[in-house]
Every structure is written in C-alpha cells, then in structure tokens.
Amino acid sequence: MFLQQLLPNGTRLAFHDLQPDEMESWLETLPSAQPGEAARALVAQLAELRRTNLTVRSRLKLLELMRDKAESLLPGIQQRLDGASLPLPPTLQQAVIDGNSLLKALSLGYAMVADAISGKWSGLGFQKPLLLAVTQGLRLNGRRLELAYAVYARGSRSAWTELHRLYRLVRAAEAASMPAEGAEELPERVYVKALLLAFAEPTRFAPGDLDRVQFYLERYGHLAQLEPASTLQAAGERGAFLIREGATEAGFSLHRWRDGPWQPSDLVLRCDPLVKKLVGQIDGLERGIMPAKLGLPRNASQPEYLALLRELAKLWSAPPSRRHPRTHFRPRVDVVLGCTALRAFIAGPAFRRRTQDGPVSADAEGEMTEWTVTNESPDGFALRYVGGNTGEVRVGEILAIRPRGSSAMHIAIVRRATSTVASLEIGVQMLASRAAAATVNLPGEGGPQSAVQRQVQVIFLPRMPAFDNAPAILAPPGTIGYGIEFTMPCKGRNMLMRVARCIAKTPTCEVLVLEKQAAHNDEESEAAA
C-alpha cells in the first residue's frame, strides 16, 4: 500500500509535498496484526522516500515517524523467532528477511541524511540532525546483526561496513561522545556494544544467552574504550581488538594478529577495564557473594550463567584460535538430537550396525538425521546438515553421533551453530564414547533411610575425557539435585555416586558430573536397572 492510495479521487501526492500528519494517517492503516506484510509496505515506502529531494529536517521527521511504526512491528517478527529450531522453516526464514529488510531500509534513510550533512553543514547548526541520523543508523544496523544472531546467522557484511563508516563519520565531526536529541545512547556506546557482542561469538550462545550478554553490555559495555591504533605498542596484546575501516566484520583480536602493520584509520578497542570488572564479578560469585551486590541479576549464580561469564572473560581478553583444517573427504554420520530421543535410541537400536546406505527410516532407527563431517578439532567436529527431521537444533543441546556402517557411538554437545537459508552447520564437543540407558533410585521425602523411593531415567556416561575422565549422567532438568547420592553399575561393580556439579543444561536434560564415593557390595546396594 502506498501513500497515494489514501488520497481522494486518485490524486497523487509527491513526497516533497507530504506533511507529517498525512504520513501518520498512512502508517495507521498498516496491518499491525500482520507485521511481515506491514514491514514490506514500509520498505517500499522508504525506497520511494530515498528517491525524493526533501530537506534534511523534513526527511528526518518522516523517518522518525516510520521508525516509530517499525518499532511496533519488530517485536511481532522477533516473537516468531524466539525458540525456533534449526534449520528454519520457510515461514520463519521470511520473517527474518522481512525484519532485516525493514531495518536495512530505515538505516539507509538515516545514512542518506548523515551523508548530506557531514562535513558541509555540521558547523552551521546541523550538528543535532547529524547526531540523530548517525545514532539511529548505528542502532538499526546493530539490530540487523542481533536479528541474525537470534537464528545463529553470522550477520550482514553490509551492516558492519555501515557501522564502521557511520562511526568514523561522527568521530570526524568530534561528536561521537555527544548525546543525540531523541536518542537514548551516545553514538560511540552503540558502536562499542555492537563490537563487543560480535566478539562474544553469538553463534556459540545457548538459548537465553543473547539476552544475558545484551543486559551485561547495557550495564558495563562503556568500560571498553576506543582509541587510535597508533597508541598500540605491538601486536599480540591481550584484551585489544583492531577495528578496520571498510571491513565486513567486527574486527580482529590482536592476541592473534599476524597480518602486518596498522593503517592510519585503524582503531583499537581496549577491553581490559571491562575484563577486570568481569573477572572480579566471577570471583565474587565463586566466593558466594549475592549477585545483586556485584551488580548482576539474581540468576547470575546459576552454573550456566557463571559459565557464560567465564567464557566472556576469555573471549574479550585472549580468544583462542580454532583454525583446524577442513577435511577433503567428508564422511556421512547419523545424528540423534535431544536427550529424550537419545535415551530411547540407546535403549533400542543404537548398537545395531546400519545395513543400508539410503535415507534413514525414523521407524527403524529412531529420530536420526544425516550430516557430513566438515572438519575435526582435538575434542570435536563440525557437522553440516544433509537431511532428516532435525527436531530442535540449539546450542547446548545433547546429541549422539554414529559413523555410517558402524555400531560405535559418541555423545556430544552442540557448542556453536551457523545458519543460512541454504545450509546449517554445528560445532560439537565430544563428551563420551560410551553411554548406557539407566534408571537410578533416589531417596524419598523421608531422606536416605526412607523406604519410599523415586526413580529417574537417565543416560550414564562412564567417562568424559574432556572433564578429567569423570563419570556423568544426563538427567531430566530439576530431577536430581547437587549432593544427592545413589548407586550406579560401573566397571563391573556397584559404585556409590554423588552429584558434584552441572556442566550444561538444556530444555530436555542436565549434564551432571559425578564423584565416586565408595564401592558397595551387591547386597548393600540397589543397582540401577
């Protein structure tokens, strides 16, 4: 729907005659209950706006009205993506496209205003519109990236090019640390938060982690500082990232920099003050200090939250190198995703050797999917999706991998995911090469001596090489608490096990590390079935 359709008798109204109240009337006709359709109408109208020759102030007024409408539509698009499984079905792929197109069209509109003002007019009373245009352009491109992160995509290269360009534009005007009228944040803070979020490697976020990291950056992102790269002493510095003008990505860790001298326009993001704050908070949580006293949310003391904070401290200081060679031969493997499907698989067809090379039968083999191994690291693999019902692929989910033509099986956990319209790739960390379905008997409400017991079905991992060869169980969330003791068959005898800690939590299970307490005679213990 275009503005002309609202005018009586088919009268056409050029944009240069348009008044804000007429734009508001048109925006009210957009179907808010159908955010995708409304977003596409806005994108078309923004393209028409860019072709006109309005004054800077008139253009900004119309852009602000259209941005306000977009802000009411984007939550509806985002809500459809919350909790979505990978690979995305076509309807959700369209939702991502609609949201990204709307944010991109708005950002281009503000960029045109900023370019028109920059250099020529900022000294003649146009500094305020310049600040507003740049700040909104930075915000909108940052939100394009966040939308991509929500579905495990890497984000648009053009968004990064614009972020770098707009920030340098406002920095050249010596206004990067000045507030824009009508905007909530300083241009530099918007830019720095986008950089820090990218350096936190969002493709490795478990469900909920994106919101947690954004919350942390809202409070403490200002501690990271941008400086000219000329202030650097040498490459290899920890807690520093090189930010290059015109780049199609966020930047490069100087801890791993091997690509030559700096360029005059290079900047460096120093994260040392931020990391120092973060390490202090982690230390406080480990010593039992209440999260609120450390400036953290109430759930920061949970194991998965604390693990996220430790990972952020590492990534913002000295991110590890993961350059493992790609395999030329890409073997096919079968994968079972999710703890519920995995336990049924282990208890049934897991150790039957596959005899056919065609598509996997779900009835015969459980919820299997087909993947190829694209590369191998010391403790895991990168897998690319081929076909089958994936169920719910998310970072943090448990899976089993079985090579074709083999009865061997490996239990792993998804540590990262990268999704595009055409492909899905995950990186997995190996947990164990052996697993067994088991049922553990737990004390009832009367305590260890109670005759009343409850049973919990679990998957037992006798040995996890990545965790000091400790045993573990995969148990439904919240069913077995820390410190609980029970017996488990291990190495031909019944062992008394104690739940020591949780190293991962998914919607379907918790990975609980066990400590061996003592050996029991068969008469004195009730073995897990």
Protein backbone atom coordinates (compact mmCIF):
# COMPACT_ATOMS: atom_id res chain seq x y z
CA MET A 1 0.00 0.00 0.00
CA PHE A 2 1.37 3.42 -0.96
CA LEU A 3 0.52 6.91 0.25
CA GLN A 4 -1.22 7.76 -3.00
CA GLN A 5 -3.90 5.16 -2.24
CA LEU A 6 -5.07 7.22 0.74
CA LEU A 7 -5.74 10.35 -1.29
CA PRO A 8 -9.24 11.23 -2.58
CA ASN A 9 -10.16 10.93 -6.27
CA GLY A 10 -6.90 9.17 -7.13
CA THR A 11 -4.86 12.35 -6.53
CA ARG A 12 -1.14 11.66 -6.45
CA LEU A 13 0.93 13.44 -3.84
CA ALA A 14 4.66 13.83 -4.30
CA PHE A 15 6.84 13.23 -1.27
CA HIS A 16 8.14 16.79 -1.34
CA ASP A 17 4.56 17.98 -0.59
CA LEU A 18 3.96 15.42 2.12
CA GLN A 19 3.09 16.56 5.64
CA PRO A 20 3.81 14.54 8.80
CA ASP A 21 0.10 14.20 9.62
CA GLU A 22 -0.50 12.56 6.21
CA MET A 23 2.32 10.12 6.87
CA GLU A 24 0.81 9.32 10.28
CA SER A 25 -2.57 8.63 8.64
CA TRP A 26 -0.96 6.20 6.21
CA LEU A 27 1.03 4.45 8.93
CA GLU A 28 -2.17 3.85 10.89
CA THR A 29 -3.55 1.82 8.00
CA LEU A 30 -0.72 -0.72 8.11
CA PRO A 31 -1.87 -4.12 9.47
CA SER A 32 -0.10 -4.39 12.84
CA ALA A 33 -1.52 -7.89 13.27
CA GLN A 34 0.44 -8.91 10.15
CA PRO A 35 3.92 -7.49 10.87
CA GLY A 36 5.52 -9.11 7.82
CA GLU A 37 3.05 -7.54 5.39
CA ALA A 38 3.29 -4.18 7.16
CA ALA A 39 7.09 -4.34 7.11
CA ARG A 40 7.12 -4.95 3.35
CA ALA A 41 4.84 -1.95 2.79
CA LEU A 42 7.17 0.22 4.89
CA VAL A 43 10.22 -0.97 2.96
CA ALA A 44 8.57 0.01 -0.33
CA GLN A 45 7.66 3.44 1.01
CA LEU A 46 11.18 4.01 2.37
CA ALA A 47 12.60 3.23 -1.06
CA GLU A 48 10.31 5.92 -2.52
CA LEU A 49 11.40 8.37 0.18
CA ARG A 50 15.07 7.88 -0.74
CA ARG A 51 14.33 8.94 -4.32
CA THR A 52 12.96 12.35 -3.31
CA ASN A 53 14.73 15.64 -2.73
CA LEU A 54 13.37 16.63 0.68
CA THR A 55 15.13 18.96 3.06
CA VAL A 56 17.17 17.34 5.83
CA ARG A 57 14.71 18.27 8.56
CA SER A 58 11.64 17.12 6.59
CA ARG A 59 13.29 13.83 5.74
CA LEU A 60 14.24 13.25 9.38
CA LYS A 61 10.69 13.93 10.58
CA LEU A 62 9.26 11.36 8.18
CA LEU A 63 11.98 8.85 9.03
CA GLU A 64 11.27 9.19 12.74
CA LEU A 65 7.56 8.54 12.16
CA MET A 66 8.33 5.48 10.08
CA ARG A 67 10.88 4.23 12.61
CA ASP A 68 8.32 4.52 15.42
CA LYS A 69 5.95 2.35 13.40
CA ALA A 70 8.73 -0.13 12.70
CA GLU A 71 9.47 -0.37 16.43
CA SER A 72 5.88 -1.55 16.96
CA LEU A 73 6.19 -4.20 14.22
CA LEU A 74 9.60 -5.69 15.02
CA PRO A 75 8.59 -7.38 18.33
CA GLY A 76 5.94 -9.35 16.42
CA ILE A 77 8.59 -10.53 13.96
CA GLN A 78 11.08 -11.28 16.74
CA GLN A 79 8.48 -13.19 18.77
CA ARG A 80 8.03 -15.65 15.92
CA LEU A 81 11.74 -16.43 16.05
CA ASP A 82 12.03 -16.96 19.80
CA GLY A 83 12.66 -20.62 20.47
CA ALA A 84 12.69 -21.51 16.77
CA SER A 85 14.53 -24.70 15.85
CA LEU A 86 17.06 -25.04 13.03
CA PRO A 87 17.04 -25.18 10.12
CA LEU A 88 14.33 -22.50 9.95
CA PRO A 89 11.15 -23.41 8.08
CA PRO A 90 10.27 -21.16 5.10
CA THR A 91 7.76 -19.08 7.07
CA LEU A 92 10.37 -18.13 9.68
CA GLN A 93 13.00 -17.53 7.01
CA GLN A 94 10.58 -14.97 5.55
CA ALA A 95 10.17 -13.36 8.98
CA VAL A 96 13.96 -12.90 9.21
CA ILE A 97 14.03 -11.45 5.69
CA ASP A 98 11.19 -9.05 6.49
CA GLY A 99 12.81 -7.84 9.71
CA ASN A 100 16.23 -7.40 8.14
CA SER A 101 14.82 -5.61 5.08
CA LEU A 102 12.91 -3.15 7.26
CA LEU A 103 15.93 -2.39 9.47
CA LYS A 104 18.17 -2.02 6.42
CA ALA A 105 15.75 0.31 4.61
CA LEU A 106 15.48 2.55 7.68
CA SER A 107 19.24 2.60 8.21
CA LEU A 108 19.79 3.62 4.58
CA GLY A 109 17.38 6.51 5.05
CA TYR A 110 19.28 7.82 8.07
CA ALA A 111 22.62 7.26 6.31
CA MET A 112 21.47 9.50 3.45
CA VAL A 113 20.72 12.26 5.94
CA ALA A 114 24.07 11.83 7.66
CA ASP A 115 25.94 11.91 4.35
CA ALA A 116 24.10 15.04 3.26
CA ILE A 117 25.05 16.88 6.45
CA SER A 118 28.56 15.53 7.04
CA GLY A 119 31.39 17.97 6.51
CA LYS A 120 29.39 20.68 4.72
CA TRP A 121 26.72 21.65 7.18
CA SER A 122 27.53 20.34 10.66
CA GLY A 123 29.10 23.66 11.60
CA LEU A 124 26.06 25.66 10.51
CA GLY A 125 23.53 24.43 13.06
CA PHE A 126 23.12 20.90 11.67
CA GLN A 127 25.05 19.04 14.36
CA LYS A 128 21.88 17.85 16.10
CA PRO A 129 20.38 16.25 12.97
CA LEU A 130 23.77 14.72 12.19
CA LEU A 131 23.96 13.14 15.64
CA LEU A 132 20.40 11.83 15.39
CA ALA A 133 20.90 10.38 11.91
CA VAL A 134 24.19 8.66 12.79
CA THR A 135 22.95 7.32 16.13
CA GLN A 136 19.81 5.84 14.60
CA GLY A 137 21.81 4.43 11.69
CA LEU A 138 24.18 2.73 14.12
CA ARG A 139 21.31 1.35 16.21
CA LEU A 140 19.43 -0.04 13.23
CA ASN A 141 22.48 -1.78 11.77
CA GLY A 142 23.25 -3.19 15.21
CA ARG A 143 19.73 -4.58 15.39
CA ARG A 144 20.17 -6.20 11.98
CA LEU A 145 23.07 -8.12 13.46
CA GLU A 146 21.11 -9.04 16.60
CA LEU A 147 18.28 -10.40 14.46
CA ALA A 148 20.80 -12.61 12.67
CA TYR A 149 22.35 -13.77 15.94
CA ALA A 150 18.91 -14.86 17.19
CA VAL A 151 18.81 -17.51 14.43
CA TYR A 152 22.54 -18.36 14.56
CA ALA A 153 23.42 -16.46 11.39
CA ARG A 154 26.67 -14.51 11.20
CA GLY A 155 25.06 -11.23 10.28
CA SER A 156 25.19 -9.00 7.23
CA ARG A 157 28.53 -7.81 5.92
CA SER A 158 26.91 -4.58 4.73
CA ALA A 159 25.72 -3.91 8.29
CA TRP A 160 29.33 -3.98 9.50
CA THR A 161 30.54 -1.79 6.64
CA GLU A 162 27.91 0.81 7.55
CA LEU A 163 28.62 0.59 11.28
CA HIS A 164 32.32 1.28 10.72
CA ARG A 165 31.59 4.08 8.23
CA LEU A 166 28.94 5.90 10.28
CA TYR A 167 31.02 5.79 13.43
CA ARG A 168 34.04 7.31 11.70
CA LEU A 169 31.78 9.97 10.21
CA VAL A 170 30.59 11.12 13.61
CA ARG A 171 34.07 10.69 15.11
CA ALA A 172 35.47 13.01 12.42
CA ALA A 173 32.87 15.58 13.48
CA GLU A 174 34.15 15.20 17.08
CA ALA A 175 30.64 14.25 18.18
CA ALA A 176 30.94 10.52 18.93
CA SER A 177 30.53 11.14 22.67
CA MET A 178 27.69 13.66 22.39
CA PRO A 179 24.06 12.70 23.04
CA ALA A 180 21.63 12.91 20.15
CA GLU A 181 18.30 14.59 20.74
CA GLY A 182 15.59 11.93 20.84
CA ALA A 183 18.07 9.04 21.05
CA GLU A 184 18.79 7.10 24.24
CA GLU A 185 22.53 6.43 23.82
CA LEU A 186 25.74 8.04 22.65
CA PRO A 187 26.86 7.05 19.16
CA GLU A 188 30.12 5.59 20.49
CA ARG A 189 28.34 3.42 23.05
CA VAL A 190 26.02 1.99 20.39
CA TYR A 191 29.05 1.14 18.24
CA VAL A 192 31.11 -0.35 21.07
CA LYS A 193 28.24 -2.58 22.22
CA ALA A 194 27.84 -3.94 18.68
CA LEU A 195 31.57 -4.72 18.58
CA LEU A 196 31.59 -6.42 21.98
CA LEU A 197 28.54 -8.51 21.15
CA ALA A 198 30.24 -9.77 17.99
CA PHE A 199 33.46 -10.57 19.88
CA ALA A 200 31.36 -12.64 22.32
CA GLU A 201 30.78 -15.09 19.41
CA PRO A 202 26.95 -15.25 19.32
CA THR A 203 26.98 -18.43 17.23
CA ARG A 204 28.03 -20.16 20.47
CA PHE A 205 25.15 -18.78 22.58
CA ALA A 206 22.76 -21.21 24.23
CA PRO A 207 19.08 -20.17 24.38
CA GLY A 208 18.78 -17.09 26.59
CA ASP A 209 22.48 -16.15 26.37
CA LEU A 210 21.89 -13.37 23.82
CA ASP A 211 19.61 -11.56 26.26
CA ARG A 212 22.07 -12.10 29.12
CA VAL A 213 25.02 -10.68 27.18
CA GLN A 214 22.96 -7.70 25.98
CA PHE A 215 21.94 -7.00 29.58
CA TYR A 216 25.57 -7.11 30.67
CA LEU A 217 26.65 -4.76 27.89
CA GLU A 218 23.90 -2.30 28.78
CA ARG A 219 25.41 -2.02 32.25
CA TYR A 220 29.13 -2.38 31.63
CA GLY A 221 29.84 -2.04 27.91
CA HIS A 222 31.01 1.56 28.48
CA LEU A 223 34.10 0.21 30.26
CA ALA A 224 35.62 -0.80 26.91
CA GLN A 225 37.31 2.15 25.18
CA LEU A 226 38.08 3.01 21.54
CA GLU A 227 41.45 4.58 20.75
CA PRO A 228 43.52 5.25 17.63
CA ALA A 229 45.61 2.21 16.73
CA SER A 230 48.70 4.44 16.89
CA THR A 231 48.54 4.07 20.69
CA LEU A 232 49.40 0.37 20.38
CA GLN A 233 52.88 -0.74 21.26
CA ALA A 234 52.82 -4.06 19.38
CA ALA A 235 50.58 -6.80 18.11
CA GLY A 236 49.72 -9.68 20.39
CA GLU A 237 48.17 -7.52 23.11
CA ARG A 238 45.52 -9.18 25.26
CA GLY A 239 42.15 -7.57 25.65
CA ALA A 240 42.57 -5.47 22.48
CA PHE A 241 40.84 -5.69 19.10
CA LEU A 242 41.81 -3.97 15.86
CA ILE A 243 38.84 -2.22 14.18
CA ARG A 244 39.45 -1.52 10.49
CA GLU A 245 37.52 0.95 8.35
CA GLY A 246 35.64 -0.66 5.47
CA ALA A 247 35.82 -4.15 7.00
CA THR A 248 32.91 -6.55 6.53
CA GLU A 249 33.28 -7.92 10.06
CA ALA A 250 33.62 -6.50 13.56
CA GLY A 251 37.39 -6.63 13.94
CA PHE A 252 40.36 -8.81 14.81
CA SER A 253 41.85 -9.92 18.11
CA LEU A 254 45.37 -8.51 18.47
CA HIS A 255 46.23 -11.57 20.51
CA ARG A 256 46.15 -13.47 17.19
CA TRP A 257 47.14 -10.62 14.81
CA ARG A 258 49.73 -11.64 12.24
CA ASP A 259 48.66 -9.55 9.24
CA GLY A 260 51.06 -6.63 9.08
CA PRO A 261 51.22 -3.00 10.27
CA TRP A 262 48.36 -0.70 11.23
CA GLN A 263 46.64 1.62 8.81
CA PRO A 264 46.14 5.35 9.61
CA SER A 265 42.37 4.93 10.03
CA ASP A 266 42.62 1.85 12.27
CA LEU A 267 41.11 1.95 15.76
CA VAL A 268 41.66 -0.33 18.72
CA LEU A 269 39.01 -1.43 21.21
CA ARG A 270 40.60 -1.90 24.63
CA CYS A 271 38.63 -4.34 26.79
CA ASP A 272 40.97 -4.58 29.80
CA PRO A 273 38.77 -2.47 32.14
CA LEU A 274 35.71 -4.49 31.14
CA VAL A 275 37.50 -7.82 31.63
CA LYS A 276 38.84 -6.66 35.01
CA LYS A 277 35.29 -5.87 36.14
CA LEU A 278 34.03 -9.19 34.82
CA VAL A 279 36.79 -11.23 36.49
CA GLY A 280 36.03 -9.50 39.80
CA GLN A 281 32.35 -10.39 39.49
CA ILE A 282 33.17 -14.02 38.67
CA ASP A 283 35.45 -14.20 41.72
CA GLY A 284 32.68 -12.76 43.88
CA LEU A 285 30.15 -15.29 42.64
CA GLU A 286 32.59 -18.15 43.29
CA ARG A 287 33.00 -16.89 46.87
CA GLY A 288 29.24 -16.90 47.40
CA ILE A 289 28.56 -13.15 47.24
CA MET A 290 24.98 -12.31 46.29
CA PRO A 291 24.72 -11.36 42.60
CA ALA A 292 22.88 -8.10 43.37
CA LYS A 293 25.86 -6.86 45.39
CA LEU A 294 28.05 -7.46 42.35
CA GLY A 295 25.73 -5.58 40.00
CA LEU A 296 24.42 -8.76 38.38
CA PRO A 297 20.91 -10.23 38.00
CA ARG A 298 19.61 -12.69 40.57
CA ASN A 299 20.16 -15.76 38.38
CA ALA A 300 23.86 -14.96 37.82
CA SER A 301 24.81 -17.52 40.48
CA GLN A 302 23.40 -20.37 38.38
CA PRO A 303 26.09 -22.65 36.88
CA GLU A 304 25.18 -21.93 33.25
CA TYR A 305 25.22 -18.15 33.85
CA LEU A 306 28.58 -18.36 35.61
CA ALA A 307 29.95 -20.48 32.75
CA LEU A 308 28.81 -17.79 30.29
CA LEU A 309 30.61 -15.06 32.27
CA ARG A 310 33.82 -17.10 32.29
CA GLU A 311 33.55 -17.55 28.53
CA LEU A 312 33.03 -13.81 28.02
CA ALA A 313 36.11 -13.02 30.10
CA LYS A 314 38.14 -15.32 27.86
CA LEU A 315 36.71 -14.06 24.57
CA TRP A 316 37.14 -10.36 25.43
CA SER A 317 40.69 -10.95 26.64
CA ALA A 318 42.51 -13.57 24.55
CA PRO A 319 40.12 -15.54 22.33
CA PRO A 320 41.54 -18.95 21.40
CA SER A 321 42.43 -19.85 17.86
CA ARG A 322 40.24 -22.50 16.23
CA ARG A 323 41.96 -22.93 12.90
CA HIS A 324 41.59 -26.63 12.19
CA PRO A 325 41.99 -27.90 8.63
CA ARG A 326 38.91 -28.81 6.63
CA THR A 327 38.61 -32.44 5.72
CA HIS A 328 38.76 -33.22 2.00
CA PHE A 329 36.81 -36.44 2.47
CA ARG A 330 33.50 -35.65 4.15
CA PRO A 331 32.12 -38.79 5.74
CA ARG A 332 28.40 -39.12 6.45
CA VAL A 333 27.24 -39.69 10.01
CA ASP A 334 23.89 -40.34 11.66
CA VAL A 335 22.83 -37.99 14.46
CA VAL A 336 20.15 -38.25 17.17
CA LEU A 337 19.25 -34.92 18.79
CA GLY A 338 17.79 -34.34 22.25
CA CYS A 339 18.04 -36.31 25.47
CA THR A 340 14.60 -37.95 25.22
CA ALA A 341 15.19 -39.29 21.71
CA LEU A 342 18.75 -40.22 22.65
CA ARG A 343 17.74 -42.38 25.60
CA ALA A 344 15.17 -44.23 23.52
CA PHE A 345 17.80 -44.70 20.83
CA ILE A 346 20.41 -46.04 23.26
CA ALA A 347 17.92 -48.42 24.82
CA GLY A 348 16.88 -49.68 21.37
CA PRO A 349 18.67 -49.58 18.01
CA ALA A 350 21.81 -47.67 18.97
CA PHE A 351 24.27 -50.51 18.70
CA ARG A 352 22.82 -52.20 15.66
CA ARG A 353 25.09 -51.77 12.69
CA ARG A 354 23.44 -49.94 9.79
CA THR A 355 22.98 -52.16 6.76
CA GLN A 356 21.58 -49.67 4.23
CA ASP A 357 23.10 -46.54 2.69
CA GLY A 358 19.84 -44.87 1.69
CA PRO A 359 17.71 -42.45 3.73
CA VAL A 360 17.33 -43.29 7.39
CA SER A 361 14.00 -44.77 8.44
CA ALA A 362 12.69 -42.99 11.52
CA ASP A 363 10.57 -46.00 12.44
CA ALA A 364 13.55 -48.36 12.38
CA GLU A 365 16.26 -46.12 13.71
CA GLY A 366 14.54 -43.51 15.87
CA GLU A 367 14.82 -39.78 15.24
CA MET A 368 18.00 -39.97 13.15
CA THR A 369 19.24 -37.25 10.83
CA GLU A 370 22.08 -37.25 8.32
CA TRP A 371 25.09 -34.93 8.47
CA THR A 372 28.57 -34.68 6.95
CA VAL A 373 31.76 -34.10 8.94
CA THR A 374 33.38 -30.95 7.51
CA ASN A 375 36.30 -30.60 9.91
CA GLU A 376 37.72 -32.08 13.08
CA SER A 377 39.24 -30.45 16.15
CA PRO A 378 41.08 -32.12 19.03
CA ASP A 379 37.85 -32.51 21.01
CA GLY A 380 35.02 -32.34 18.49
CA PHE A 381 33.68 -31.95 14.98
CA ALA A 382 31.96 -29.52 12.65
CA LEU A 383 28.88 -31.10 11.11
CA ARG A 384 26.82 -29.92 8.13
CA TYR A 385 23.16 -30.86 7.89
CA VAL A 386 22.15 -33.11 4.98
CA GLY A 387 18.61 -34.28 5.65
CA GLY A 388 16.04 -35.72 8.02
CA ASN A 389 13.89 -34.36 10.84
CA THR A 390 16.30 -32.32 12.95
CA GLY A 391 13.90 -31.79 15.84
CA GLU A 392 15.31 -28.84 17.77
CA VAL A 393 18.90 -27.89 16.98
CA ARG A 394 20.17 -25.38 19.53
CA VAL A 395 23.47 -24.55 21.14
CA GLY A 396 23.76 -26.56 24.34
CA GLU A 397 21.68 -29.49 23.09
CA ILE A 398 22.85 -33.08 23.56
CA LEU A 399 23.27 -35.41 20.60
CA ALA A 400 24.69 -38.79 19.60
CA ILE A 401 26.88 -39.30 16.52
CA ARG A 402 27.27 -42.67 14.83
CA PRO A 403 29.53 -43.17 11.79
CA ARG A 404 27.96 -44.92 8.84
CA GLY A 405 28.41 -48.68 8.79
CA SER A 406 29.48 -48.77 12.44
CA SER A 407 27.95 -49.57 15.79
CA ALA A 408 30.26 -47.09 17.57
CA MET A 409 28.55 -44.05 19.05
CA HIS A 410 29.75 -40.75 20.51
CA ILE A 411 27.83 -38.48 22.89
CA ALA A 412 28.42 -34.78 22.23
CA ILE A 413 27.04 -31.34 22.99
CA VAL A 414 26.35 -28.55 20.48
CA ARG A 415 28.71 -25.63 21.19
CA ARG A 416 28.00 -23.39 18.19
CA ALA A 417 25.65 -23.15 15.23
CA THR A 418 25.78 -21.23 11.94
CA SER A 419 22.63 -20.98 9.88
CA THR A 420 21.90 -19.59 6.42
CA VAL A 421 18.94 -20.05 4.09
CA ALA A 422 20.88 -22.76 2.25
CA SER A 423 22.79 -24.54 5.00
CA LEU A 424 23.13 -25.38 8.68
CA GLU A 425 26.43 -26.19 10.37
CA ILE A 426 27.07 -27.01 14.01
CA GLY A 427 30.22 -27.41 16.07
CA VAL A 428 30.08 -30.13 18.70
CA GLN A 429 32.27 -31.00 21.67
CA MET A 430 32.72 -34.69 22.40
CA LEU A 431 31.62 -35.76 25.89
CA ALA A 432 31.92 -39.56 25.88
CA SER A 433 32.37 -42.53 23.58
CA ARG A 434 30.27 -44.84 25.75
CA ALA A 435 26.76 -44.44 27.14
CA ALA A 436 24.09 -46.60 28.72
CA ALA A 437 20.41 -46.10 29.48
CA ALA A 438 19.83 -46.49 33.22
CA THR A 439 17.31 -45.94 35.99
CA VAL A 440 18.53 -44.59 39.33
CA ASN A 441 16.73 -44.99 42.65
CA LEU A 442 16.69 -41.79 44.69
CA PRO A 443 15.74 -41.25 48.37
CA GLY A 444 12.15 -40.24 49.00
CA GLU A 445 10.99 -37.27 51.04
CA GLY A 446 11.95 -39.08 54.24
CA GLY A 447 15.66 -38.90 53.39
CA PRO A 448 18.29 -41.58 52.70
CA GLN A 449 16.73 -44.07 55.15
CA SER A 450 13.24 -43.69 53.71
CA ALA A 451 11.67 -46.80 52.22
CA VAL A 452 9.84 -44.60 49.74
CA GLN A 453 11.96 -44.03 46.69
CA ARG A 454 11.53 -42.39 43.35
CA GLN A 455 13.06 -43.50 40.09
CA VAL A 456 14.61 -41.28 37.41
CA GLN A 457 15.55 -42.47 33.94
CA VAL A 458 19.00 -41.22 32.93
CA ILE A 459 21.83 -41.78 30.46
CA PHE A 460 25.05 -42.83 32.15
CA LEU A 461 28.40 -41.70 30.72
CA PRO A 462 31.14 -43.76 32.43
CA ARG A 463 33.98 -41.48 31.34
CA MET A 464 34.27 -37.95 29.92
CA PRO A 465 37.82 -37.29 28.64
CA ALA A 466 37.26 -33.52 28.36
CA PHE A 467 36.36 -33.34 32.07
CA ASP A 468 39.21 -35.25 33.71
CA ASN A 469 37.61 -38.59 32.78
CA ALA A 470 34.84 -38.02 35.33
CA PRO A 471 31.61 -40.02 35.02
CA ALA A 472 28.33 -38.18 34.41
CA ILE A 473 24.62 -38.66 33.89
CA LEU A 474 22.15 -36.93 31.60
CA ALA A 475 19.03 -36.40 33.71
CA PRO A 476 15.75 -34.53 33.17
CA PRO A 477 16.04 -30.91 34.41
CA GLY A 478 15.49 -30.42 38.13
CA THR A 479 15.06 -34.09 38.99
CA ILE A 480 18.41 -34.73 40.75
CA GLY A 481 19.94 -32.05 42.96
CA TYR A 482 23.55 -31.38 43.90
CA GLY A 483 24.92 -33.63 46.64
CA ILE A 484 22.39 -36.42 46.00
CA GLU A 485 23.91 -39.91 46.30
CA PHE A 486 22.84 -43.09 44.51
CA THR A 487 24.39 -46.33 43.26
CA MET A 488 25.36 -46.99 39.66
CA PRO A 489 26.94 -50.04 37.97
CA CYS A 490 30.49 -49.06 36.98
CA LYS A 491 33.35 -51.31 35.85
CA GLY A 492 31.52 -54.48 36.87
CA ARG A 493 30.54 -53.38 40.36
CA ASN A 494 28.07 -51.09 42.04
CA MET A 495 29.54 -47.70 42.91
CA LEU A 496 28.13 -45.06 45.20
CA MET A 497 27.98 -41.84 43.19
CA ARG A 498 27.44 -38.26 44.30
CA VAL A 499 26.26 -35.40 42.07
CA ALA A 500 29.09 -32.86 42.11
CA ARG A 501 28.10 -30.15 39.62
CA CYS A 502 26.19 -29.34 36.46
CA ILE A 503 28.23 -28.52 33.35
CA ALA A 504 25.38 -27.98 30.89
CA LYS A 505 21.63 -27.52 30.93
CA THR A 506 19.23 -27.88 28.02
CA PRO A 507 15.42 -27.83 27.85
CA THR A 508 15.47 -31.65 27.94
CA CYS A 509 18.30 -32.54 30.33
CA GLU A 510 21.13 -31.55 32.65
CA VAL A 511 24.67 -32.91 32.32
CA LEU A 512 25.60 -33.78 35.93
CA VAL A 513 29.20 -34.65 36.78
CA LEU A 514 29.51 -37.44 39.35
CA GLU A 515 32.05 -38.19 42.06
CA LYS A 516 32.75 -41.80 43.04
CA GLN A 517 32.20 -42.18 46.77
CA ALA A 518 32.84 -45.84 47.61
CA ALA A 519 32.36 -49.41 46.38
CA HIS A 520 29.34 -51.32 47.76
CA ASN A 521 28.61 -54.99 47.92
CA ASP A 522 25.74 -56.15 45.77
CA GLU A 523 23.62 -56.98 48.85
CA GLU A 524 24.09 -53.47 50.25
CA SER A 525 23.17 -51.55 47.17
CA GLU A 526 20.34 -51.35 44.73
CA ALA A 527 21.79 -51.22 41.29
CA ALA A 528 20.39 -49.05 38.59
CA ALA A 529 18.50 -51.09 36.07
